[in-house]
Amino acid sequence: MSSQSLNDIKKKLTEEVAMILCQNIQAISADEPLHDMGLDSLSFVELLVSIEKNFNLTLINTNLAKEDFSTINTLTQRLFEAINE
């Protein structure tokens, strides 16, 4: 999966967050904290499952921390690093 660019990852994450929150993709800001957008514990689990499926990762093996999930931009960078390890 190392062929995925930062922009590819960011686009997919933005699409997934929009779908999970039933929002228009244009309403999703990559700099806004995910919890401020309305991501709760159940929707957060949906996002985790989506990440594992879409990026072929086992999150338990990625060493991602809570702060890595603060915004889409932060998560994009950390997923890019995890995919390319």
PDB file of N, CA and C in Angstrom:
ATOM      1  N   MET A   1       0.810  -1.201   0.000  1.00  0.00           N
ATOM      2  CA  MET A   1       0.000   0.000   0.000  1.00  0.00           C
ATOM      3  C   MET A   1       0.851   1.262   0.000  1.00  0.00           C
ATOM      4  N   SER A   2       2.142   1.138  -0.117  1.00  0.00           N
ATOM      5  CA  SER A   2       3.010   2.295  -0.031  1.00  0.00           C
ATOM      6  C   SER A   2       2.808   3.266  -1.192  1.00  0.00           C
ATOM      7  N   SER A   3       2.003   2.894  -2.179  1.00  0.00           N
ATOM      8  CA  SER A   3       1.768   3.771  -3.308  1.00  0.00           C
ATOM      9  C   SER A   3       0.766   4.882  -2.980  1.00  0.00           C
ATOM     10  N   GLN A   4       0.175   4.839  -1.794  1.00  0.00           N
ATOM     11  CA  GLN A   4      -0.797   5.866  -1.431  1.00  0.00           C
ATOM     12  C   GLN A   4      -0.084   7.135  -0.974  1.00  0.00           C
ATOM     13  N   SER A   5      -0.473   8.241  -1.571  1.00  0.00           N
ATOM     14  CA  SER A   5       0.113   9.528  -1.202  1.00  0.00           C
ATOM     15  C   SER A   5      -0.629  10.108  -0.003  1.00  0.00           C
ATOM     16  N   LEU A   6      -0.057  11.145   0.574  1.00  0.00           N
ATOM     17  CA  LEU A   6      -0.737  11.857   1.655  1.00  0.00           C
ATOM     18  C   LEU A   6      -2.108  12.343   1.198  1.00  0.00           C
ATOM     19  N   ASN A   7      -2.190  12.872  -0.009  1.00  0.00           N
ATOM     20  CA  ASN A   7      -3.474  13.367  -0.522  1.00  0.00           C
ATOM     21  C   ASN A   7      -4.497  12.255  -0.689  1.00  0.00           C
ATOM     22  N   ASP A   8      -4.049  11.073  -1.149  1.00  0.00           N
ATOM     23  CA  ASP A   8      -4.960   9.930  -1.284  1.00  0.00           C
ATOM     24  C   ASP A   8      -5.528   9.532   0.073  1.00  0.00           C
ATOM     25  N   ILE A   9      -4.662   9.480   1.062  1.00  0.00           N
ATOM     26  CA  ILE A   9      -5.076   9.087   2.411  1.00  0.00           C
ATOM     27  C   ILE A   9      -6.032  10.130   2.984  1.00  0.00           C
ATOM     28  N   LYS A  10      -5.682  11.386   2.850  1.00  0.00           N
ATOM     29  CA  LYS A  10      -6.522  12.472   3.372  1.00  0.00           C
ATOM     30  C   LYS A  10      -7.899  12.462   2.712  1.00  0.00           C
ATOM     31  N   LYS A  11      -7.928  12.260   1.415  1.00  0.00           N
ATOM     32  CA  LYS A  11      -9.199  12.224   0.679  1.00  0.00           C
ATOM     33  C   LYS A  11     -10.072  11.086   1.187  1.00  0.00           C
ATOM     34  N   LYS A  12      -9.488   9.912   1.336  1.00  0.00           N
ATOM     35  CA  LYS A  12     -10.260   8.754   1.793  1.00  0.00           C
ATOM     36  C   LYS A  12     -10.753   8.960   3.223  1.00  0.00           C
ATOM     37  N   LEU A  13      -9.906   9.479   4.104  1.00  0.00           N
ATOM     38  CA  LEU A  13     -10.328   9.739   5.480  1.00  0.00           C
ATOM     39  C   LEU A  13     -11.460  10.767   5.520  1.00  0.00           C
ATOM     40  N   THR A  14     -11.338  11.812   4.730  1.00  0.00           N
ATOM     41  CA  THR A  14     -12.377  12.844   4.683  1.00  0.00           C
ATOM     42  C   THR A  14     -13.696  12.252   4.208  1.00  0.00           C
ATOM     43  N   GLU A  15     -13.641  11.414   3.179  1.00  0.00           N
ATOM     44  CA  GLU A  15     -14.844  10.748   2.676  1.00  0.00           C
ATOM     45  C   GLU A  15     -15.468   9.864   3.751  1.00  0.00           C
ATOM     46  N   GLU A  16     -14.635   9.121   4.461  1.00  0.00           N
ATOM     47  CA  GLU A  16     -15.139   8.210   5.496  1.00  0.00           C
ATOM     48  C   GLU A  16     -15.771   8.971   6.655  1.00  0.00           C
ATOM     49  N   VAL A  17     -15.118  10.038   7.104  1.00  0.00           N
ATOM     50  CA  VAL A  17     -15.670  10.832   8.199  1.00  0.00           C
ATOM     51  C   VAL A  17     -16.998  11.456   7.764  1.00  0.00           C
ATOM     52  N   ALA A  18     -17.057  11.965   6.554  1.00  0.00           N
ATOM     53  CA  ALA A  18     -18.303  12.548   6.043  1.00  0.00           C
ATOM     54  C   ALA A  18     -19.416  11.497   6.019  1.00  0.00           C
ATOM     55  N   MET A  19     -19.102  10.304   5.563  1.00  0.00           N
ATOM     56  CA  MET A  19     -20.103   9.239   5.497  1.00  0.00           C
ATOM     57  C   MET A  19     -20.565   8.841   6.905  1.00  0.00           C
ATOM     58  N   ILE A  20     -19.617   8.659   7.811  1.00  0.00           N
ATOM     59  CA  ILE A  20     -19.948   8.252   9.177  1.00  0.00           C
ATOM     60  C   ILE A  20     -20.832   9.301   9.857  1.00  0.00           C
ATOM     61  N   LEU A  21     -20.526  10.571   9.622  1.00  0.00           N
ATOM     62  CA  LEU A  21     -21.276  11.652  10.264  1.00  0.00           C
ATOM     63  C   LEU A  21     -22.495  12.105   9.453  1.00  0.00           C
ATOM     64  N   CYS A  22     -22.734  11.442   8.311  1.00  0.00           N
ATOM     65  CA  CYS A  22     -23.842  11.814   7.412  1.00  0.00           C
ATOM     66  C   CYS A  22     -23.775  13.294   7.050  1.00  0.00           C
ATOM     67  N   GLN A  23     -22.580  13.724   6.677  1.00  0.00           N
ATOM     68  CA  GLN A  23     -22.335  15.118   6.308  1.00  0.00           C
ATOM     69  C   GLN A  23     -21.892  15.180   4.850  1.00  0.00           C
ATOM     70  N   ASN A  24     -22.053  16.339   4.266  1.00  0.00           N
ATOM     71  CA  ASN A  24     -21.513  16.607   2.949  1.00  0.00           C
ATOM     72  C   ASN A  24     -20.000  16.703   3.089  1.00  0.00           C
ATOM     73  N   ILE A  25     -19.264  16.167   2.145  1.00  0.00           N
ATOM     74  CA  ILE A  25     -17.802  16.154   2.228  1.00  0.00           C
ATOM     75  C   ILE A  25     -17.221  17.571   2.355  1.00  0.00           C
ATOM     76  N   GLN A  26     -17.891  18.566   1.767  1.00  0.00           N
ATOM     77  CA  GLN A  26     -17.415  19.943   1.858  1.00  0.00           C
ATOM     78  C   GLN A  26     -17.548  20.504   3.279  1.00  0.00           C
ATOM     79  N   ALA A  27     -18.367  19.876   4.106  1.00  0.00           N
ATOM     80  CA  ALA A  27     -18.560  20.332   5.488  1.00  0.00           C
ATOM     81  C   ALA A  27     -17.466  19.819   6.421  1.00  0.00           C
ATOM     82  N   ILE A  28     -16.599  18.955   5.910  1.00  0.00           N
ATOM     83  CA  ILE A  28     -15.553  18.340   6.728  1.00  0.00           C
ATOM     84  C   ILE A  28     -14.257  19.130   6.575  1.00  0.00           C
ATOM     85  N   SER A  29     -13.733  19.604   7.698  1.00  0.00           N
ATOM     86  CA  SER A  29     -12.464  20.334   7.706  1.00  0.00           C
ATOM     87  C   SER A  29     -11.372  19.423   8.252  1.00  0.00           C
ATOM     88  N   ALA A  30     -10.295  19.308   7.513  1.00  0.00           N
ATOM     89  CA  ALA A  30      -9.186  18.429   7.912  1.00  0.00           C
ATOM     90  C   ALA A  30      -8.445  18.954   9.132  1.00  0.00           C
ATOM     91  N   ASP A  31      -8.665  20.218   9.491  1.00  0.00           N
ATOM     92  CA  ASP A  31      -7.998  20.812  10.651  1.00  0.00           C
ATOM     93  C   ASP A  31      -8.877  20.833  11.900  1.00  0.00           C
ATOM     94  N   GLU A  32     -10.155  20.542  11.747  1.00  0.00           N
ATOM     95  CA  GLU A  32     -11.067  20.574  12.894  1.00  0.00           C
ATOM     96  C   GLU A  32     -10.931  19.287  13.704  1.00  0.00           C
ATOM     97  N   PRO A  33     -10.878  19.406  15.025  1.00  0.00           N
ATOM     98  CA  PRO A  33     -10.810  18.186  15.841  1.00  0.00           C
ATOM     99  C   PRO A  33     -11.989  17.257  15.547  1.00  0.00           C
ATOM    100  N   LEU A  34     -11.695  15.982  15.431  1.00  0.00           N
ATOM    101  CA  LEU A  34     -12.731  15.007  15.091  1.00  0.00           C
ATOM    102  C   LEU A  34     -13.879  15.026  16.100  1.00  0.00           C
ATOM    103  N   HIS A  35     -13.563  15.170  17.380  1.00  0.00           N
ATOM    104  CA  HIS A  35     -14.643  15.182  18.373  1.00  0.00           C
ATOM    105  C   HIS A  35     -15.511  16.434  18.238  1.00  0.00           C
ATOM    106  N   ASP A  36     -14.950  17.537  17.757  1.00  0.00           N
ATOM    107  CA  ASP A  36     -15.746  18.748  17.534  1.00  0.00           C
ATOM    108  C   ASP A  36     -16.700  18.583  16.356  1.00  0.00           C
ATOM    109  N   MET A  37     -16.347  17.708  15.436  1.00  0.00           N
ATOM    110  CA  MET A  37     -17.218  17.440  14.291  1.00  0.00           C
ATOM    111  C   MET A  37     -18.402  16.562  14.676  1.00  0.00           C
ATOM    112  N   GLY A  38     -18.299  15.932  15.839  1.00  0.00           N
ATOM    113  CA  GLY A  38     -19.396  15.080  16.285  1.00  0.00           C
ATOM    114  C   GLY A  38     -19.048  13.602  16.338  1.00  0.00           C
ATOM    115  N   LEU A  39     -17.787  13.268  16.144  1.00  0.00           N
ATOM    116  CA  LEU A  39     -17.376  11.866  16.221  1.00  0.00           C
ATOM    117  C   LEU A  39     -17.450  11.419  17.678  1.00  0.00           C
ATOM    118  N   ASP A  40     -18.335  10.477  17.959  1.00  0.00           N
ATOM    119  CA  ASP A  40     -18.455   9.945  19.311  1.00  0.00           C
ATOM    120  C   ASP A  40     -17.802   8.566  19.359  1.00  0.00           C
ATOM    121  N   SER A  41     -17.947   7.868  20.469  1.00  0.00           N
ATOM    122  CA  SER A  41     -17.248   6.592  20.624  1.00  0.00           C
ATOM    123  C   SER A  41     -17.688   5.563  19.581  1.00  0.00           C
ATOM    124  N   LEU A  42     -18.965   5.505  19.270  1.00  0.00           N
ATOM    125  CA  LEU A  42     -19.445   4.536  18.275  1.00  0.00           C
ATOM    126  C   LEU A  42     -18.942   4.895  16.873  1.00  0.00           C
ATOM    127  N   SER A  43     -19.026   6.160  16.515  1.00  0.00           N
ATOM    128  CA  SER A  43     -18.551   6.554  15.188  1.00  0.00           C
ATOM    129  C   SER A  43     -17.033   6.463  15.091  1.00  0.00           C
ATOM    130  N   PHE A  44     -16.347   6.628  16.223  1.00  0.00           N
ATOM    131  CA  PHE A  44     -14.897   6.452  16.244  1.00  0.00           C
ATOM    132  C   PHE A  44     -14.538   4.995  15.915  1.00  0.00           C
ATOM    133  N   VAL A  45     -15.289   4.053  16.464  1.00  0.00           N
ATOM    134  CA  VAL A  45     -15.062   2.630  16.157  1.00  0.00           C
ATOM    135  C   VAL A  45     -15.311   2.377  14.673  1.00  0.00           C
ATOM    136  N   GLU A  46     -16.346   2.993  14.121  1.00  0.00           N
ATOM    137  CA  GLU A  46     -16.605   2.863  12.686  1.00  0.00           C
ATOM    138  C   GLU A  46     -15.407   3.356  11.881  1.00  0.00           C
ATOM    139  N   LEU A  47     -14.824   4.466  12.303  1.00  0.00           N
ATOM    140  CA  LEU A  47     -13.654   5.014  11.615  1.00  0.00           C
ATOM    141  C   LEU A  47     -12.467   4.054  11.719  1.00  0.00           C
ATOM    142  N   LEU A  48     -12.255   3.469  12.887  1.00  0.00           N
ATOM    143  CA  LEU A  48     -11.153   2.516  13.060  1.00  0.00           C
ATOM    144  C   LEU A  48     -11.312   1.313  12.132  1.00  0.00           C
ATOM    145  N   VAL A  49     -12.511   0.776  12.067  1.00  0.00           N
ATOM    146  CA  VAL A  49     -12.776  -0.372  11.192  1.00  0.00           C
ATOM    147  C   VAL A  49     -12.538   0.014   9.734  1.00  0.00           C
ATOM    148  N   SER A  50     -12.987   1.195   9.366  1.00  0.00           N
ATOM    149  CA  SER A  50     -12.796   1.688   8.005  1.00  0.00           C
ATOM    150  C   SER A  50     -11.311   1.834   7.667  1.00  0.00           C
ATOM    151  N   ILE A  51     -10.540   2.361   8.607  1.00  0.00           N
ATOM    152  CA  ILE A  51      -9.095   2.527   8.388  1.00  0.00           C
ATOM    153  C   ILE A  51      -8.435   1.175   8.170  1.00  0.00           C
ATOM    154  N   GLU A  52      -8.754   0.217   9.004  1.00  0.00           N
ATOM    155  CA  GLU A  52      -8.152  -1.119   8.848  1.00  0.00           C
ATOM    156  C   GLU A  52      -8.496  -1.704   7.489  1.00  0.00           C
ATOM    157  N   LYS A  53      -9.758  -1.561   7.078  1.00  0.00           N
ATOM    158  CA  LYS A  53     -10.203  -2.125   5.800  1.00  0.00           C
ATOM    159  C   LYS A  53      -9.600  -1.387   4.613  1.00  0.00           C
ATOM    160  N   ASN A  54      -9.676  -0.071   4.620  1.00  0.00           N
ATOM    161  CA  ASN A  54      -9.252   0.719   3.459  1.00  0.00           C
ATOM    162  C   ASN A  54      -7.747   0.812   3.282  1.00  0.00           C
ATOM    163  N   PHE A  55      -7.011   0.733   4.380  1.00  0.00           N
ATOM    164  CA  PHE A  55      -5.566   0.900   4.296  1.00  0.00           C
ATOM    165  C   PHE A  55      -4.815  -0.385   4.606  1.00  0.00           C
ATOM    166  N   ASN A  56      -5.554  -1.475   4.762  1.00  0.00           N
ATOM    167  CA  ASN A  56      -4.964  -2.795   4.984  1.00  0.00           C
ATOM    168  C   ASN A  56      -3.967  -2.769   6.150  1.00  0.00           C
ATOM    169  N   LEU A  57      -4.417  -2.162   7.258  1.00  0.00           N
ATOM    170  CA  LEU A  57      -3.590  -2.057   8.458  1.00  0.00           C
ATOM    171  C   LEU A  57      -4.265  -2.776   9.617  1.00  0.00           C
ATOM    172  N   THR A  58      -3.473  -3.284  10.512  1.00  0.00           N
ATOM    173  CA  THR A  58      -3.965  -3.755  11.792  1.00  0.00           C
ATOM    174  C   THR A  58      -3.547  -2.694  12.794  1.00  0.00           C
ATOM    175  N   LEU A  59      -4.507  -1.908  13.228  1.00  0.00           N
ATOM    176  CA  LEU A  59      -4.184  -0.726  14.027  1.00  0.00           C
ATOM    177  C   LEU A  59      -3.434  -1.046  15.303  1.00  0.00           C
ATOM    178  N   ILE A  60      -3.686  -2.185  15.887  1.00  0.00           N
ATOM    179  CA  ILE A  60      -2.988  -2.543  17.126  1.00  0.00           C
ATOM    180  C   ILE A  60      -1.477  -2.626  16.900  1.00  0.00           C
ATOM    181  N   ASN A  61      -1.070  -2.868  15.666  1.00  0.00           N
ATOM    182  CA  ASN A  61       0.350  -2.990  15.337  1.00  0.00           C
ATOM    183  C   ASN A  61       0.980  -1.689  14.835  1.00  0.00           C
ATOM    184  N   THR A  62       0.229  -0.595  14.825  1.00  0.00           N
ATOM    185  CA  THR A  62       0.736   0.643  14.235  1.00  0.00           C
ATOM    186  C   THR A  62       1.290   1.638  15.247  1.00  0.00           C
ATOM    187  N   ASN A  63       1.090   1.391  16.533  1.00  0.00           N
ATOM    188  CA  ASN A  63       1.535   2.304  17.588  1.00  0.00           C
ATOM    189  C   ASN A  63       0.898   3.684  17.499  1.00  0.00           C
ATOM    190  N   LEU A  64      -0.295   3.761  16.905  1.00  0.00           N
ATOM    191  CA  LEU A  64      -1.008   5.028  16.881  1.00  0.00           C
ATOM    192  C   LEU A  64      -1.495   5.346  18.290  1.00  0.00           C
ATOM    193  N   ALA A  65      -1.401   6.603  18.673  1.00  0.00           N
ATOM    194  CA  ALA A  65      -1.836   7.044  19.988  1.00  0.00           C
ATOM    195  C   ALA A  65      -3.091   7.906  19.858  1.00  0.00           C
ATOM    196  N   LYS A  66      -3.729   8.163  20.982  1.00  0.00           N
ATOM    197  CA  LYS A  66      -4.959   8.958  20.989  1.00  0.00           C
ATOM    198  C   LYS A  66      -4.772  10.294  20.274  1.00  0.00           C
ATOM    199  N   GLU A  67      -3.638  10.951  20.522  1.00  0.00           N
ATOM    200  CA  GLU A  67      -3.409  12.260  19.905  1.00  0.00           C
ATOM    201  C   GLU A  67      -3.254  12.194  18.382  1.00  0.00           C
ATOM    202  N   ASP A  68      -2.947  11.020  17.843  1.00  0.00           N
ATOM    203  CA  ASP A  68      -2.838  10.853  16.389  1.00  0.00           C
ATOM    204  C   ASP A  68      -4.198  10.960  15.712  1.00  0.00           C
ATOM    205  N   PHE A  69      -5.257  10.847  16.491  1.00  0.00           N
ATOM    206  CA  PHE A  69      -6.617  10.906  15.975  1.00  0.00           C
ATOM    207  C   PHE A  69      -7.275  12.260  16.233  1.00  0.00           C
ATOM    208  N   SER A  70      -6.473  13.287  16.487  1.00  0.00           N
ATOM    209  CA  SER A  70      -7.050  14.587  16.825  1.00  0.00           C
ATOM    210  C   SER A  70      -7.755  15.236  15.627  1.00  0.00           C
ATOM    211  N   THR A  71      -7.119  15.240  14.469  1.00  0.00           N
ATOM    212  CA  THR A  71      -7.715  15.817  13.257  1.00  0.00           C
ATOM    213  C   THR A  71      -7.449  14.881  12.079  1.00  0.00           C
ATOM    214  N   ILE A  72      -8.113  15.134  10.993  1.00  0.00           N
ATOM    215  CA  ILE A  72      -7.861  14.350   9.779  1.00  0.00           C
ATOM    216  C   ILE A  72      -6.427  14.568   9.307  1.00  0.00           C
ATOM    217  N   ASN A  73      -5.934  15.800   9.391  1.00  0.00           N
ATOM    218  CA  ASN A  73      -4.556  16.063   8.955  1.00  0.00           C
ATOM    219  C   ASN A  73      -3.542  15.275   9.788  1.00  0.00           C
ATOM    220  N   THR A  74      -3.724  15.273  11.097  1.00  0.00           N
ATOM    221  CA  THR A  74      -2.813  14.531  11.973  1.00  0.00           C
ATOM    222  C   THR A  74      -2.884  13.038  11.674  1.00  0.00           C
ATOM    223  N   LEU A  75      -4.091  12.533  11.545  1.00  0.00           N
ATOM    224  CA  LEU A  75      -4.275  11.110  11.267  1.00  0.00           C
ATOM    225  C   LEU A  75      -3.714  10.736   9.901  1.00  0.00           C
ATOM    226  N   THR A  76      -3.877  11.607   8.933  1.00  0.00           N
ATOM    227  CA  THR A  76      -3.318  11.365   7.596  1.00  0.00           C
ATOM    228  C   THR A  76      -1.811  11.147   7.667  1.00  0.00           C
ATOM    229  N   GLN A  77      -1.130  12.039   8.363  1.00  0.00           N
ATOM    230  CA  GLN A  77       0.326  11.948   8.472  1.00  0.00           C
ATOM    231  C   GLN A  77       0.747  10.647   9.148  1.00  0.00           C
ATOM    232  N   ARG A  78       0.094  10.295  10.239  1.00  0.00           N
ATOM    233  CA  ARG A  78       0.452   9.077  10.981  1.00  0.00           C
ATOM    234  C   ARG A  78       0.127   7.820  10.184  1.00  0.00           C
ATOM    235  N   LEU A  79      -0.979   7.811   9.472  1.00  0.00           N
ATOM    236  CA  LEU A  79      -1.295   6.641   8.640  1.00  0.00           C
ATOM    237  C   LEU A  79      -0.296   6.510   7.492  1.00  0.00           C
ATOM    238  N   PHE A  80       0.090   7.629   6.902  1.00  0.00           N
ATOM    239  CA  PHE A  80       1.096   7.603   5.846  1.00  0.00           C
ATOM    240  C   PHE A  80       2.379   6.966   6.368  1.00  0.00           C
ATOM    241  N   GLU A  81       2.785   7.370   7.564  1.00  0.00           N
ATOM    242  CA  GLU A  81       3.997   6.791   8.174  1.00  0.00           C
ATOM    243  C   GLU A  81       3.809   5.304   8.449  1.00  0.00           C
ATOM    244  N   ALA A  82       2.664   4.926   8.974  1.00  0.00           N
ATOM    245  CA  ALA A  82       2.410   3.519   9.298  1.00  0.00           C
ATOM    246  C   ALA A  82       2.376   2.654   8.042  1.00  0.00           C
ATOM    247  N   ILE A  83       1.779   3.156   6.985  1.00  0.00           N
ATOM    248  CA  ILE A  83       1.697   2.405   5.739  1.00  0.00           C
ATOM    249  C   ILE A  83       3.088   2.198   5.143  1.00  0.00           C
ATOM    250  N   ASN A  84       3.945   3.177   5.326  1.00  0.00           N
ATOM    251  CA  ASN A  84       5.270   3.140   4.711  1.00  0.00           C
ATOM    252  C   ASN A  84       6.376   2.616   5.628  1.00  0.00           C
ATOM    253  N   GLU A  85       6.022   2.069   6.777  1.00  0.00           N
ATOM    254  CA  GLU A  85       7.036   1.502   7.680  1.00  0.00           C
ATOM    255  C   GLU A  85       7.555   0.193   7.145  1.00  0.00           C
TER     256      GLU A  85
END
